[in-house]
Amino acid sequence: MSQSNLEAEKSKDDGVLMFPESQVRRECGNRSDVTWWRWKKKKIIPSPDILIESRNYYSAGQRQLAHAAILQGGLAQ
């Protein structure tokens, strides 16, 4: 099983597989919290789908959109 699947969690509400923002950031070049926040504010990357216990989580679809935004925007390291 890959590391990304190890950290994924199922939402308590509907059983949808969700990925913590910290994991998505690592997958996209390990950007800082501040950089990630700026990119969300400027809509360069998608916002997380849900907030669970003060932590942001992305659905599989939003996670893929974040990956694509980093690659298409020339922001990959």
Protein backbone atom coordinates (compact mmCIF):
# COMPACT_ATOMS: atom_id res chain seq x y z
CA MET A 1 0.00 0.00 0.00
CA SER A 2 1.39 3.42 -0.89
CA GLN A 3 2.14 6.06 1.73
CA SER A 4 -0.56 8.39 0.38
CA ASN A 5 -3.19 5.75 1.06
CA LEU A 6 -1.90 5.18 4.59
CA GLU A 7 -2.68 8.73 5.63
CA ALA A 8 -6.05 9.01 3.91
CA GLU A 9 -9.06 9.01 6.18
CA LYS A 10 -12.72 8.35 5.67
CA SER A 11 -15.01 11.24 6.43
CA LYS A 12 -17.18 10.56 9.45
CA ASP A 13 -20.27 11.78 7.63
CA ASP A 14 -20.38 9.94 4.32
CA GLY A 15 -17.41 7.55 4.13
CA VAL A 16 -15.67 9.52 1.35
CA LEU A 17 -11.90 9.09 1.26
CA MET A 18 -10.26 12.36 2.40
CA PHE A 19 -6.60 13.41 2.40
CA PRO A 20 -5.08 15.77 4.99
CA GLU A 21 -3.83 19.06 3.59
CA SER A 22 -0.35 18.37 4.99
CA GLN A 23 -0.13 15.22 2.87
CA VAL A 24 -1.34 17.00 -0.28
CA ARG A 25 1.23 19.76 0.32
CA ARG A 26 4.03 17.18 0.62
CA GLU A 27 2.91 15.49 -2.59
CA CYS A 28 3.00 18.88 -4.34
CA GLY A 29 6.57 19.78 -3.44
CA ASN A 30 6.38 20.21 0.34
CA ARG A 31 5.39 23.87 0.18
CA SER A 32 5.09 25.90 3.37
CA ASP A 33 1.78 26.56 5.12
CA VAL A 34 2.01 30.24 4.18
CA THR A 35 2.67 29.55 0.48
CA TRP A 36 -0.20 27.07 0.37
CA TRP A 37 -2.50 29.60 2.08
CA ARG A 38 -1.54 32.31 -0.46
CA TRP A 39 -2.15 29.97 -3.38
CA LYS A 40 -5.61 29.06 -2.02
CA LYS A 41 -6.43 32.74 -1.49
CA LYS A 42 -5.38 33.56 -5.09
CA LYS A 43 -7.29 30.47 -6.31
CA ILE A 44 -4.13 28.97 -7.84
CA ILE A 45 -4.99 25.71 -6.11
CA PRO A 46 -8.40 24.46 -4.93
CA SER A 47 -9.59 24.95 -1.39
CA PRO A 48 -10.06 21.89 0.82
CA ASP A 49 -13.43 20.19 0.83
CA ILE A 50 -13.96 19.88 4.57
CA LEU A 51 -12.67 20.98 7.94
CA ILE A 52 -12.48 18.20 10.54
CA GLU A 53 -11.30 19.05 14.05
CA SER A 54 -9.51 22.23 12.83
CA ARG A 55 -7.72 20.40 10.00
CA ASN A 56 -8.29 20.78 6.27
CA TYR A 57 -9.02 17.70 4.17
CA TYR A 58 -9.17 17.25 0.39
CA SER A 59 -11.31 14.73 -1.46
CA ALA A 60 -9.56 12.56 -4.05
CA GLY A 61 -10.88 14.82 -6.83
CA GLN A 62 -9.72 18.06 -5.20
CA ARG A 63 -6.36 16.43 -4.48
CA GLN A 64 -5.95 15.65 -8.18
CA LEU A 65 -6.90 19.22 -9.07
CA ALA A 66 -4.22 20.53 -6.69
CA HIS A 67 -1.62 18.27 -8.32
CA ALA A 68 -2.66 19.43 -11.79
CA ALA A 69 -2.60 23.11 -10.76
CA ILE A 70 0.96 22.78 -9.48
CA LEU A 71 2.14 21.05 -12.67
CA GLN A 72 0.24 23.28 -15.13
CA GLY A 73 1.21 26.47 -13.32
CA GLY A 74 4.90 25.65 -13.52
CA LEU A 75 5.09 25.63 -9.73
CA ALA A 76 6.62 22.16 -9.37
CA GLN A 77 10.05 22.01 -7.80
